[in-house]
Each structure stands twice: as structure tokens, then as C-alpha cells.
Amino acid sequence: MKRVTLKDLSEAIGVSQNTVSLVLRGRPGISEATREQILNKAREMGYHERQKDCNMPNVCVLTTYKNNIDSYYFGRLQNRIEYYLNKNKCTTITVNNVETYSLEAIQDL
């Protein structure tokens, strides 16, 4: 049996893969009617989200301007961190130059 993908769901419903992804991850910004339609179709088609190996659902990598001055070293370090997190199926987001963001903006990520 073929594994059901986001593309399969988006084509069956007629919405973008991004919309399907947002709904399946429980993110805001999608109408309740569309959300229900996607969730019902996902159940109907036998969609199963891949099991995460990571104990943390989301990991935020914060860097400062000072760290970004030496982009060769810190860029490679940041890439390795993200590589291992992604390898372990953790969702990552990176905020560079964290000093330019308010604490509230970072918490809302």
C-alpha cells in the first residue's frame, strides 16, 4: 500500500500542500471548514504522520549578531545543529541576530 503524502491530500482536496501541512501540524490561519475537510480526507485516505524520534516537538536555534560575524565557523556549527535535529525528526526554526527581535516575537514562533 502506497503511503499517503501531503501532495496526495492537497490534490484530492484542491488546496496547496502548505495548507495541508499547516492543518496537520495544528497551526492557525486556516478556516475551520477547510481544516475539517483536510482532516476528514486525511483519515479517509489513511494518512499517518511519521512518528517523530525527537522528544522535543520544536527546537529554536538562536544566534546573535556577534556570532554571525564569523559566518564560516558559526554557519557551519549552525548547519550541523540543524542537520542532527532534522535527522532526528525535530522541527527547527532559526532566528539569526536575535537582538533585533523582541522577546514576544520570538516566543510567538
PDB file of N, CA and C in Angstrom:
ATOM      1  N   MET A   1       0.842  -1.188   0.000  1.00  0.00           N
ATOM      2  CA  MET A   1       0.000   0.000   0.000  1.00  0.00           C
ATOM      3  C   MET A   1       0.883   1.245   0.000  1.00  0.00           C
ATOM      4  N   LYS A   2       0.590   2.171  -0.902  1.00  0.00           N
ATOM      5  CA  LYS A   2       1.361   3.392  -1.032  1.00  0.00           C
ATOM      6  C   LYS A   2       1.079   4.326   0.142  1.00  0.00           C
ATOM      7  N   ARG A   3       2.132   4.918   0.664  1.00  0.00           N
ATOM      8  CA  ARG A   3       1.982   5.878   1.752  1.00  0.00           C
ATOM      9  C   ARG A   3       1.345   7.158   1.223  1.00  0.00           C
ATOM     10  N   VAL A   4       0.359   7.685   1.912  1.00  0.00           N
ATOM     11  CA  VAL A   4      -0.330   8.911   1.523  1.00  0.00           C
ATOM     12  C   VAL A   4       0.561  10.101   1.882  1.00  0.00           C
ATOM     13  N   THR A   5       0.751  11.003   0.928  1.00  0.00           N
ATOM     14  CA  THR A   5       1.619  12.168   1.131  1.00  0.00           C
ATOM     15  C   THR A   5       0.808  13.453   1.203  1.00  0.00           C
ATOM     16  N   LEU A   6       1.467  14.545   1.578  1.00  0.00           N
ATOM     17  CA  LEU A   6       0.821  15.850   1.582  1.00  0.00           C
ATOM     18  C   LEU A   6       0.343  16.198   0.179  1.00  0.00           C
ATOM     19  N   LYS A   7       1.135  15.838  -0.815  1.00  0.00           N
ATOM     20  CA  LYS A   7       0.760  16.104  -2.206  1.00  0.00           C
ATOM     21  C   LYS A   7      -0.531  15.373  -2.559  1.00  0.00           C
ATOM     22  N   ASP A   8      -0.632  14.111  -2.164  1.00  0.00           N
ATOM     23  CA  ASP A   8      -1.854  13.337  -2.422  1.00  0.00           C
ATOM     24  C   ASP A   8      -3.071  14.030  -1.811  1.00  0.00           C
ATOM     25  N   LEU A   9      -2.934  14.452  -0.563  1.00  0.00           N
ATOM     26  CA  LEU A   9      -4.042  15.120   0.128  1.00  0.00           C
ATOM     27  C   LEU A   9      -4.388  16.448  -0.535  1.00  0.00           C
ATOM     28  N   SER A  10      -3.369  17.227  -0.874  1.00  0.00           N
ATOM     29  CA  SER A  10      -3.636  18.547  -1.462  1.00  0.00           C
ATOM     30  C   SER A  10      -4.324  18.416  -2.819  1.00  0.00           C
ATOM     31  N   GLU A  11      -3.917  17.431  -3.609  1.00  0.00           N
ATOM     32  CA  GLU A  11      -4.551  17.224  -4.914  1.00  0.00           C
ATOM     33  C   GLU A  11      -5.986  16.716  -4.769  1.00  0.00           C
ATOM     34  N   ALA A  12      -6.235  15.869  -3.787  1.00  0.00           N
ATOM     35  CA  ALA A  12      -7.577  15.324  -3.583  1.00  0.00           C
ATOM     36  C   ALA A  12      -8.567  16.404  -3.139  1.00  0.00           C
ATOM     37  N   ILE A  13      -8.076  17.392  -2.402  1.00  0.00           N
ATOM     38  CA  ILE A  13      -8.949  18.423  -1.855  1.00  0.00           C
ATOM     39  C   ILE A  13      -8.952  19.692  -2.714  1.00  0.00           C
ATOM     40  N   GLY A  14      -7.843  19.922  -3.403  1.00  0.00           N
ATOM     41  CA  GLY A  14      -7.738  21.127  -4.221  1.00  0.00           C
ATOM     42  C   GLY A  14      -7.210  22.330  -3.469  1.00  0.00           C
ATOM     43  N   VAL A  15      -6.326  22.069  -2.498  1.00  0.00           N
ATOM     44  CA  VAL A  15      -5.655  23.147  -1.767  1.00  0.00           C
ATOM     45  C   VAL A  15      -4.154  22.937  -1.889  1.00  0.00           C
ATOM     46  N   SER A  16      -3.374  23.901  -1.439  1.00  0.00           N
ATOM     47  CA  SER A  16      -1.920  23.782  -1.534  1.00  0.00           C
ATOM     48  C   SER A  16      -1.381  22.788  -0.502  1.00  0.00           C
ATOM     49  N   GLN A  17      -0.196  22.261  -0.786  1.00  0.00           N
ATOM     50  CA  GLN A  17       0.466  21.370   0.166  1.00  0.00           C
ATOM     51  C   GLN A  17       0.763  22.120   1.463  1.00  0.00           C
ATOM     52  N   ASN A  18       1.069  23.415   1.342  1.00  0.00           N
ATOM     53  CA  ASN A  18       1.343  24.223   2.519  1.00  0.00           C
ATOM     54  C   ASN A  18       0.113  24.291   3.429  1.00  0.00           C
ATOM     55  N   THR A  19      -1.060  24.442   2.839  1.00  0.00           N
ATOM     56  CA  THR A  19      -2.295  24.482   3.628  1.00  0.00           C
ATOM     57  C   THR A  19      -2.506  23.164   4.358  1.00  0.00           C
ATOM     58  N   VAL A  20      -2.303  22.059   3.653  1.00  0.00           N
ATOM     59  CA  VAL A  20      -2.433  20.733   4.270  1.00  0.00           C
ATOM     60  C   VAL A  20      -1.445  20.593   5.420  1.00  0.00           C
ATOM     61  N   SER A  21      -0.207  21.011   5.193  1.00  0.00           N
ATOM     62  CA  SER A  21       0.825  20.915   6.223  1.00  0.00           C
ATOM     63  C   SER A  21       0.449  21.724   7.456  1.00  0.00           C
ATOM     64  N   LEU A  22      -0.033  22.943   7.252  1.00  0.00           N
ATOM     65  CA  LEU A  22      -0.422  23.785   8.385  1.00  0.00           C
ATOM     66  C   LEU A  22      -1.526  23.131   9.212  1.00  0.00           C
ATOM     67  N   VAL A  23      -2.499  22.552   8.536  1.00  0.00           N
ATOM     68  CA  VAL A  23      -3.608  21.898   9.247  1.00  0.00           C
ATOM     69  C   VAL A  23      -3.109  20.688  10.024  1.00  0.00           C
ATOM     70  N   LEU A  24      -2.304  19.841   9.385  1.00  0.00           N
ATOM     71  CA  LEU A  24      -1.845  18.614  10.038  1.00  0.00           C
ATOM     72  C   LEU A  24      -0.897  18.895  11.202  1.00  0.00           C
ATOM     73  N   ARG A  25      -0.262  20.070  11.174  1.00  0.00           N
ATOM     74  CA  ARG A  25       0.620  20.459  12.290  1.00  0.00           C
ATOM     75  C   ARG A  25      -0.122  21.281  13.333  1.00  0.00           C
ATOM     76  N   GLY A  26      -1.431  21.499  13.109  1.00  0.00           N
ATOM     77  CA  GLY A  26      -2.234  22.221  14.089  1.00  0.00           C
ATOM     78  C   GLY A  26      -1.954  23.710  14.146  1.00  0.00           C
ATOM     79  N   ARG A  27      -1.464  24.287  13.058  1.00  0.00           N
ATOM     80  CA  ARG A  27      -1.123  25.704  13.034  1.00  0.00           C
ATOM     81  C   ARG A  27      -2.359  26.553  12.754  1.00  0.00           C
ATOM     82  N   PRO A  28      -2.364  27.801  13.214  1.00  0.00           N
ATOM     83  CA  PRO A  28      -3.501  28.693  12.982  1.00  0.00           C
ATOM     84  C   PRO A  28      -3.486  29.255  11.557  1.00  0.00           C
ATOM     85  N   GLY A  29      -4.564  29.962  11.217  1.00  0.00           N
ATOM     86  CA  GLY A  29      -4.615  30.670   9.950  1.00  0.00           C
ATOM     87  C   GLY A  29      -5.394  29.970   8.851  1.00  0.00           C
ATOM     88  N   ILE A  30      -6.020  28.845   9.169  1.00  0.00           N
ATOM     89  CA  ILE A  30      -6.814  28.098   8.190  1.00  0.00           C
ATOM     90  C   ILE A  30      -8.254  28.075   8.707  1.00  0.00           C
ATOM     91  N   SER A  31      -9.210  28.291   7.801  1.00  0.00           N
ATOM     92  CA  SER A  31     -10.610  28.313   8.228  1.00  0.00           C
ATOM     93  C   SER A  31     -11.002  26.950   8.799  1.00  0.00           C
ATOM     94  N   GLU A  32     -11.976  26.985   9.682  1.00  0.00           N
ATOM     95  CA  GLU A  32     -12.432  25.752  10.337  1.00  0.00           C
ATOM     96  C   GLU A  32     -13.013  24.773   9.314  1.00  0.00           C
ATOM     97  N   ALA A  33     -13.705  25.273   8.313  1.00  0.00           N
ATOM     98  CA  ALA A  33     -14.287  24.402   7.282  1.00  0.00           C
ATOM     99  C   ALA A  33     -13.196  23.682   6.493  1.00  0.00           C
ATOM    100  N   THR A  34     -12.161  24.427   6.098  1.00  0.00           N
ATOM    101  CA  THR A  34     -11.049  23.818   5.354  1.00  0.00           C
ATOM    102  C   THR A  34     -10.296  22.837   6.235  1.00  0.00           C
ATOM    103  N   ARG A  35     -10.103  23.212   7.490  1.00  0.00           N
ATOM    104  CA  ARG A  35      -9.403  22.336   8.442  1.00  0.00           C
ATOM    105  C   ARG A  35     -10.129  20.997   8.577  1.00  0.00           C
ATOM    106  N   GLU A  36     -11.438  21.045   8.760  1.00  0.00           N
ATOM    107  CA  GLU A  36     -12.230  19.815   8.892  1.00  0.00           C
ATOM    108  C   GLU A  36     -12.176  18.979   7.618  1.00  0.00           C
ATOM    109  N   GLN A  37     -12.266  19.649   6.470  1.00  0.00           N
ATOM    110  CA  GLN A  37     -12.218  18.943   5.186  1.00  0.00           C
ATOM    111  C   GLN A  37     -10.891  18.195   5.035  1.00  0.00           C
ATOM    112  N   ILE A  38      -9.790  18.852   5.380  1.00  0.00           N
ATOM    113  CA  ILE A  38      -8.468  18.226   5.256  1.00  0.00           C
ATOM    114  C   ILE A  38      -8.328  17.069   6.238  1.00  0.00           C
ATOM    115  N   LEU A  39      -8.742  17.274   7.483  1.00  0.00           N
ATOM    116  CA  LEU A  39      -8.618  16.209   8.485  1.00  0.00           C
ATOM    117  C   LEU A  39      -9.483  14.998   8.121  1.00  0.00           C
ATOM    118  N   ASN A  40     -10.689  15.251   7.625  1.00  0.00           N
ATOM    119  CA  ASN A  40     -11.565  14.145   7.208  1.00  0.00           C
ATOM    120  C   ASN A  40     -10.969  13.380   6.034  1.00  0.00           C
ATOM    121  N   LYS A  41     -10.434  14.102   5.054  1.00  0.00           N
ATOM    122  CA  LYS A  41      -9.839  13.461   3.887  1.00  0.00           C
ATOM    123  C   LYS A  41      -8.584  12.680   4.292  1.00  0.00           C
ATOM    124  N   ALA A  42      -7.817  13.213   5.221  1.00  0.00           N
ATOM    125  CA  ALA A  42      -6.613  12.527   5.693  1.00  0.00           C
ATOM    126  C   ALA A  42      -6.987  11.188   6.338  1.00  0.00           C
ATOM    127  N   ARG A  43      -8.036  11.192   7.166  1.00  0.00           N
ATOM    128  CA  ARG A  43      -8.495   9.946   7.788  1.00  0.00           C
ATOM    129  C   ARG A  43      -9.008   8.978   6.725  1.00  0.00           C
ATOM    130  N   GLU A  44      -9.797   9.505   5.796  1.00  0.00           N
ATOM    131  CA  GLU A  44     -10.382   8.685   4.733  1.00  0.00           C
ATOM    132  C   GLU A  44      -9.308   8.013   3.873  1.00  0.00           C
ATOM    133  N   MET A  45      -8.243   8.753   3.581  1.00  0.00           N
ATOM    134  CA  MET A  45      -7.187   8.230   2.718  1.00  0.00           C
ATOM    135  C   MET A  45      -6.153   7.408   3.494  1.00  0.00           C
ATOM    136  N   GLY A  46      -6.275   7.379   4.818  1.00  0.00           N
ATOM    137  CA  GLY A  46      -5.347   6.593   5.620  1.00  0.00           C
ATOM    138  C   GLY A  46      -4.010   7.270   5.843  1.00  0.00           C
ATOM    139  N   TYR A  47      -4.024   8.603   5.891  1.00  0.00           N
ATOM    140  CA  TYR A  47      -2.785   9.345   6.136  1.00  0.00           C
ATOM    141  C   TYR A  47      -2.322   9.099   7.564  1.00  0.00           C
ATOM    142  N   HIS A  48      -1.041   8.811   7.721  1.00  0.00           N
ATOM    143  CA  HIS A  48      -0.430   8.644   9.043  1.00  0.00           C
ATOM    144  C   HIS A  48       0.812   9.503   9.088  1.00  0.00           C
ATOM    145  N   GLU A  49       0.861  10.414  10.063  1.00  0.00           N
ATOM    146  CA  GLU A  49       2.037  11.262  10.210  1.00  0.00           C
ATOM    147  C   GLU A  49       3.203  10.406  10.674  1.00  0.00           C
ATOM    148  N   ARG A  50       4.373  10.700  10.110  1.00  0.00           N
ATOM    149  CA  ARG A  50       5.570   9.972  10.534  1.00  0.00           C
ATOM    150  C   ARG A  50       5.816  10.214  12.013  1.00  0.00           C
ATOM    151  N   GLN A  51       6.176   9.162  12.689  1.00  0.00           N
ATOM    152  CA  GLN A  51       6.476   9.259  14.112  1.00  0.00           C
ATOM    153  C   GLN A  51       7.776  10.009  14.310  1.00  0.00           C
ATOM    154  N   LYS A  52       7.782  10.964  15.208  1.00  0.00           N
ATOM    155  CA  LYS A  52       8.993  11.708  15.496  1.00  0.00           C
ATOM    156  C   LYS A  52       9.849  10.939  16.487  1.00  0.00           C
ATOM    157  N   ASP A  53      11.153  11.000  16.271  1.00  0.00           N
ATOM    158  CA  ASP A  53      12.092  10.388  17.195  1.00  0.00           C
ATOM    159  C   ASP A  53      12.534  11.377  18.262  1.00  0.00           C
ATOM    160  N   CYS A  54      12.236  12.616  18.057  1.00  0.00           N
ATOM    161  CA  CYS A  54      12.704  13.683  18.929  1.00  0.00           C
ATOM    162  C   CYS A  54      11.742  13.850  20.110  1.00  0.00           C
ATOM    163  N   ASN A  55      12.290  14.052  21.294  1.00  0.00           N
ATOM    164  CA  ASN A  55      11.471  14.272  22.478  1.00  0.00           C
ATOM    165  C   ASN A  55      10.888  15.676  22.503  1.00  0.00           C
ATOM    166  N   MET A  56      11.495  16.590  21.737  1.00  0.00           N
ATOM    167  CA  MET A  56      11.056  17.978  21.709  1.00  0.00           C
ATOM    168  C   MET A  56      10.340  18.227  20.386  1.00  0.00           C
ATOM    169  N   PRO A  57       9.111  18.708  20.402  1.00  0.00           N
ATOM    170  CA  PRO A  57       8.399  18.907  19.141  1.00  0.00           C
ATOM    171  C   PRO A  57       9.016  20.004  18.282  1.00  0.00           C
ATOM    172  N   ASN A  58       9.545  21.045  18.908  1.00  0.00           N
ATOM    173  CA  ASN A  58      10.134  22.165  18.181  1.00  0.00           C
ATOM    174  C   ASN A  58      11.403  22.616  18.885  1.00  0.00           C
ATOM    175  N   VAL A  59      12.401  22.969  18.090  1.00  0.00           N
ATOM    176  CA  VAL A  59      13.645  23.484  18.636  1.00  0.00           C
ATOM    177  C   VAL A  59      13.943  24.789  17.923  1.00  0.00           C
ATOM    178  N   CYS A  60      14.215  25.829  18.683  1.00  0.00           N
ATOM    179  CA  CYS A  60      14.546  27.130  18.115  1.00  0.00           C
ATOM    180  C   CYS A  60      16.031  27.372  18.331  1.00  0.00           C
ATOM    181  N   VAL A  61      16.754  27.628  17.244  1.00  0.00           N
ATOM    182  CA  VAL A  61      18.188  27.924  17.309  1.00  0.00           C
ATOM    183  C   VAL A  61      18.326  29.437  17.220  1.00  0.00           C
ATOM    184  N   LEU A  62      18.875  30.047  18.260  1.00  0.00           N
ATOM    185  CA  LEU A  62      19.032  31.497  18.313  1.00  0.00           C
ATOM    186  C   LEU A  62      20.498  31.848  18.145  1.00  0.00           C
ATOM    187  N   THR A  63      20.775  32.815  17.283  1.00  0.00           N
ATOM    188  CA  THR A  63      22.145  33.288  17.124  1.00  0.00           C
ATOM    189  C   THR A  63      22.163  34.801  17.298  1.00  0.00           C
ATOM    190  N   THR A  64      23.322  35.317  17.644  1.00  0.00           N
ATOM    191  CA  THR A  64      23.474  36.756  17.834  1.00  0.00           C
ATOM    192  C   THR A  64      24.278  37.344  16.683  1.00  0.00           C
ATOM    193  N   TYR A  65      24.221  38.646  16.571  1.00  0.00           N
ATOM    194  CA  TYR A  65      24.994  39.331  15.536  1.00  0.00           C
ATOM    195  C   TYR A  65      26.474  39.019  15.708  1.00  0.00           C
ATOM    196  N   LYS A  66      26.938  39.022  16.947  1.00  0.00           N
ATOM    197  CA  LYS A  66      28.355  38.757  17.237  1.00  0.00           C
ATOM    198  C   LYS A  66      28.765  37.383  16.689  1.00  0.00           C
ATOM    199  N   ASN A  67      27.908  36.375  16.848  1.00  0.00           N
ATOM    200  CA  ASN A  67      28.210  35.045  16.329  1.00  0.00           C
ATOM    201  C   ASN A  67      28.234  35.025  14.804  1.00  0.00           C
ATOM    202  N   ASN A  68      27.423  35.844  14.181  1.00  0.00           N
ATOM    203  CA  ASN A  68      27.336  35.843  12.725  1.00  0.00           C
ATOM    204  C   ASN A  68      28.490  36.579  12.054  1.00  0.00           C
ATOM    205  N   ILE A  69      29.289  37.310  12.817  1.00  0.00           N
ATOM    206  CA  ILE A  69      30.453  37.986  12.235  1.00  0.00           C
ATOM    207  C   ILE A  69      31.406  36.943  11.666  1.00  0.00           C
ATOM    208  N   ASP A  70      31.618  35.855  12.400  1.00  0.00           N
ATOM    209  CA  ASP A  70      32.459  34.752  11.913  1.00  0.00           C
ATOM    210  C   ASP A  70      31.529  33.724  11.273  1.00  0.00           C
ATOM    211  N   SER A  71      31.004  34.074  10.108  1.00  0.00           N
ATOM    212  CA  SER A  71      29.981  33.237   9.483  1.00  0.00           C
ATOM    213  C   SER A  71      30.509  31.869   9.076  1.00  0.00           C
ATOM    214  N   TYR A  72      31.798  31.750   8.809  1.00  0.00           N
ATOM    215  CA  TYR A  72      32.329  30.445   8.416  1.00  0.00           C
ATOM    216  C   TYR A  72      32.190  29.453   9.569  1.00  0.00           C
ATOM    217  N   TYR A  73      32.676  29.807  10.738  1.00  0.00           N
ATOM    218  CA  TYR A  73      32.629  28.901  11.879  1.00  0.00           C
ATOM    219  C   TYR A  73      31.195  28.707  12.369  1.00  0.00           C
ATOM    220  N   PHE A  74      30.520  29.806  12.666  1.00  0.00           N
ATOM    221  CA  PHE A  74      29.182  29.683  13.244  1.00  0.00           C
ATOM    222  C   PHE A  74      28.165  29.186  12.226  1.00  0.00           C
ATOM    223  N   GLY A  75      28.350  29.520  10.966  1.00  0.00           N
ATOM    224  CA  GLY A  75      27.462  28.999   9.929  1.00  0.00           C
ATOM    225  C   GLY A  75      27.551  27.489   9.840  1.00  0.00           C
ATOM    226  N   ARG A  76      28.772  26.966   9.885  1.00  0.00           N
ATOM    227  CA  ARG A  76      28.959  25.508   9.860  1.00  0.00           C
ATOM    228  C   ARG A  76      28.394  24.867  11.120  1.00  0.00           C
ATOM    229  N   LEU A  77      28.622  25.495  12.260  1.00  0.00           N
ATOM    230  CA  LEU A  77      28.086  24.972  13.522  1.00  0.00           C
ATOM    231  C   LEU A  77      26.562  24.943  13.482  1.00  0.00           C
ATOM    232  N   GLN A  78      25.963  26.028  13.015  1.00  0.00           N
ATOM    233  CA  GLN A  78      24.504  26.104  12.914  1.00  0.00           C
ATOM    234  C   GLN A  78      23.980  25.034  11.961  1.00  0.00           C
ATOM    235  N   ASN A  79      24.639  24.841  10.837  1.00  0.00           N
ATOM    236  CA  ASN A  79      24.221  23.812   9.879  1.00  0.00           C
ATOM    237  C   ASN A  79      24.280  22.420  10.492  1.00  0.00           C
ATOM    238  N   ARG A  80      25.314  22.140  11.274  1.00  0.00           N
ATOM    239  CA  ARG A  80      25.441  20.820  11.913  1.00  0.00           C
ATOM    240  C   ARG A  80      24.336  20.616  12.955  1.00  0.00           C
ATOM    241  N   ILE A  81      24.048  21.647  13.723  1.00  0.00           N
ATOM    242  CA  ILE A  81      22.976  21.545  14.718  1.00  0.00           C
ATOM    243  C   ILE A  81      21.661  21.223  14.022  1.00  0.00           C
ATOM    244  N   GLU A  82      21.342  21.980  12.971  1.00  0.00           N
ATOM    245  CA  GLU A  82      20.091  21.757  12.250  1.00  0.00           C
ATOM    246  C   GLU A  82      20.074  20.392  11.570  1.00  0.00           C
ATOM    247  N   TYR A  83      21.216  19.955  11.052  1.00  0.00           N
ATOM    248  CA  TYR A  83      21.297  18.641  10.397  1.00  0.00           C
ATOM    249  C   TYR A  83      20.925  17.530  11.381  1.00  0.00           C
ATOM    250  N   TYR A  84      21.522  17.538  12.570  1.00  0.00           N
ATOM    251  CA  TYR A  84      21.246  16.481  13.543  1.00  0.00           C
ATOM    252  C   TYR A  84      19.829  16.558  14.094  1.00  0.00           C
ATOM    253  N   LEU A  85      19.316  17.760  14.285  1.00  0.00           N
ATOM    254  CA  LEU A  85      17.929  17.879  14.730  1.00  0.00           C
ATOM    255  C   LEU A  85      16.977  17.347  13.669  1.00  0.00           C
ATOM    256  N   ASN A  86      17.195  17.730  12.408  1.00  0.00           N
ATOM    257  CA  ASN A  86      16.336  17.234  11.323  1.00  0.00           C
ATOM    258  C   ASN A  86      16.471  15.734  11.146  1.00  0.00           C
ATOM    259  N   LYS A  87      17.678  15.222  11.299  1.00  0.00           N
ATOM    260  CA  LYS A  87      17.913  13.777  11.188  1.00  0.00           C
ATOM    261  C   LYS A  87      17.091  13.022  12.235  1.00  0.00           C
ATOM    262  N   ASN A  88      16.915  13.635  13.395  1.00  0.00           N
ATOM    263  CA  ASN A  88      16.123  13.028  14.471  1.00  0.00           C
ATOM    264  C   ASN A  88      14.672  13.484  14.436  1.00  0.00           C
ATOM    265  N   LYS A  89      14.273  14.047  13.281  1.00  0.00           N
ATOM    266  CA  LYS A  89      12.890  14.429  13.016  1.00  0.00           C
ATOM    267  C   LYS A  89      12.351  15.485  13.967  1.00  0.00           C
ATOM    268  N   CYS A  90      13.226  16.386  14.418  1.00  0.00           N
ATOM    269  CA  CYS A  90      12.790  17.532  15.209  1.00  0.00           C
ATOM    270  C   CYS A  90      12.488  18.681  14.252  1.00  0.00           C
ATOM    271  N   THR A  91      11.481  19.441  14.555  1.00  0.00           N
ATOM    272  CA  THR A  91      11.160  20.628  13.781  1.00  0.00           C
ATOM    273  C   THR A  91      12.045  21.759  14.284  1.00  0.00           C
ATOM    274  N   THR A  92      12.726  22.442  13.370  1.00  0.00           N
ATOM    275  CA  THR A  92      13.625  23.517  13.792  1.00  0.00           C
ATOM    276  C   THR A  92      13.240  24.836  13.152  1.00  0.00           C
ATOM    277  N   ILE A  93      13.536  25.895  13.864  1.00  0.00           N
ATOM    278  CA  ILE A  93      13.449  27.245  13.313  1.00  0.00           C
ATOM    279  C   ILE A  93      14.687  27.975  13.808  1.00  0.00           C
ATOM    280  N   THR A  94      15.270  28.777  12.938  1.00  0.00           N
ATOM    281  CA  THR A  94      16.477  29.511  13.290  1.00  0.00           C
ATOM    282  C   THR A  94      16.187  30.999  13.264  1.00  0.00           C
ATOM    283  N   VAL A  95      16.608  31.676  14.309  1.00  0.00           N
ATOM    284  CA  VAL A  95      16.477  33.132  14.369  1.00  0.00           C
ATOM    285  C   VAL A  95      17.881  33.693  14.441  1.00  0.00           C
ATOM    286  N   ASN A  96      18.308  34.344  13.361  1.00  0.00           N
ATOM    287  CA  ASN A  96      19.628  34.982  13.329  1.00  0.00           C
ATOM    288  C   ASN A  96      19.509  36.404  13.848  1.00  0.00           C
ATOM    289  N   ASN A  97      20.588  36.885  14.448  1.00  0.00           N
ATOM    290  CA  ASN A  97      20.625  38.240  15.000  1.00  0.00           C
ATOM    291  C   ASN A  97      19.452  38.471  15.944  1.00  0.00           C
ATOM    292  N   VAL A  98      19.358  37.601  16.932  1.00  0.00           N
ATOM    293  CA  VAL A  98      18.238  37.588  17.862  1.00  0.00           C
ATOM    294  C   VAL A  98      18.051  38.935  18.567  1.00  0.00           C
ATOM    295  N   GLU A  99      19.095  39.736  18.644  1.00  0.00           N
ATOM    296  CA  GLU A  99      18.983  41.033  19.326  1.00  0.00           C
ATOM    297  C   GLU A  99      17.990  41.968  18.633  1.00  0.00           C
ATOM    298  N   THR A 100      17.714  41.743  17.360  1.00  0.00           N
ATOM    299  CA  THR A 100      16.818  42.634  16.620  1.00  0.00           C
ATOM    300  C   THR A 100      15.348  42.277  16.809  1.00  0.00           C
ATOM    301  N   TYR A 101      15.041  41.229  17.572  1.00  0.00           N
ATOM    302  CA  TYR A 101      13.671  40.791  17.795  1.00  0.00           C
ATOM    303  C   TYR A 101      13.276  41.004  19.242  1.00  0.00           C
ATOM    304  N   SER A 102      12.010  41.281  19.468  1.00  0.00           N
ATOM    305  CA  SER A 102      11.525  41.373  20.843  1.00  0.00           C
ATOM    306  C   SER A 102      11.327  39.959  21.378  1.00  0.00           C
ATOM    307  N   LEU A 103      11.357  39.825  22.685  1.00  0.00           N
ATOM    308  CA  LEU A 103      11.134  38.529  23.318  1.00  0.00           C
ATOM    309  C   LEU A 103       9.763  37.984  22.944  1.00  0.00           C
ATOM    310  N   GLU A 104       8.760  38.846  22.841  1.00  0.00           N
ATOM    311  CA  GLU A 104       7.412  38.416  22.474  1.00  0.00           C
ATOM    312  C   GLU A 104       7.393  37.828  21.065  1.00  0.00           C
ATOM    313  N   ALA A 105       8.110  38.446  20.139  1.00  0.00           N
ATOM    314  CA  ALA A 105       8.148  37.948  18.762  1.00  0.00           C
ATOM    315  C   ALA A 105       8.784  36.566  18.702  1.00  0.00           C
ATOM    316  N   ILE A 106       9.817  36.358  19.469  1.00  0.00           N
ATOM    317  CA  ILE A 106      10.494  35.056  19.498  1.00  0.00           C
ATOM    318  C   ILE A 106       9.600  34.010  20.135  1.00  0.00           C
ATOM    319  N   GLN A 107       8.912  34.369  21.222  1.00  0.00           N
ATOM    320  CA  GLN A 107       8.018  33.409  21.890  1.00  0.00           C
ATOM    321  C   GLN A 107       6.870  32.991  20.990  1.00  0.00           C
ATOM    322  N   ASP A 108       6.440  33.870  20.079  1.00  0.00           N
ATOM    323  CA  ASP A 108       5.338  33.554  19.176  1.00  0.00           C
ATOM    324  C   ASP A 108       5.742  32.625  18.051  1.00  0.00           C
ATOM    325  N   LEU A 109       7.047  32.380  17.886  1.00  0.00           N
ATOM    326  CA  LEU A 109       7.484  31.456  16.841  1.00  0.00           C
ATOM    327  C   LEU A 109       7.060  30.088  17.225  1.00  0.00           C
TER     328      LEU A 109
END
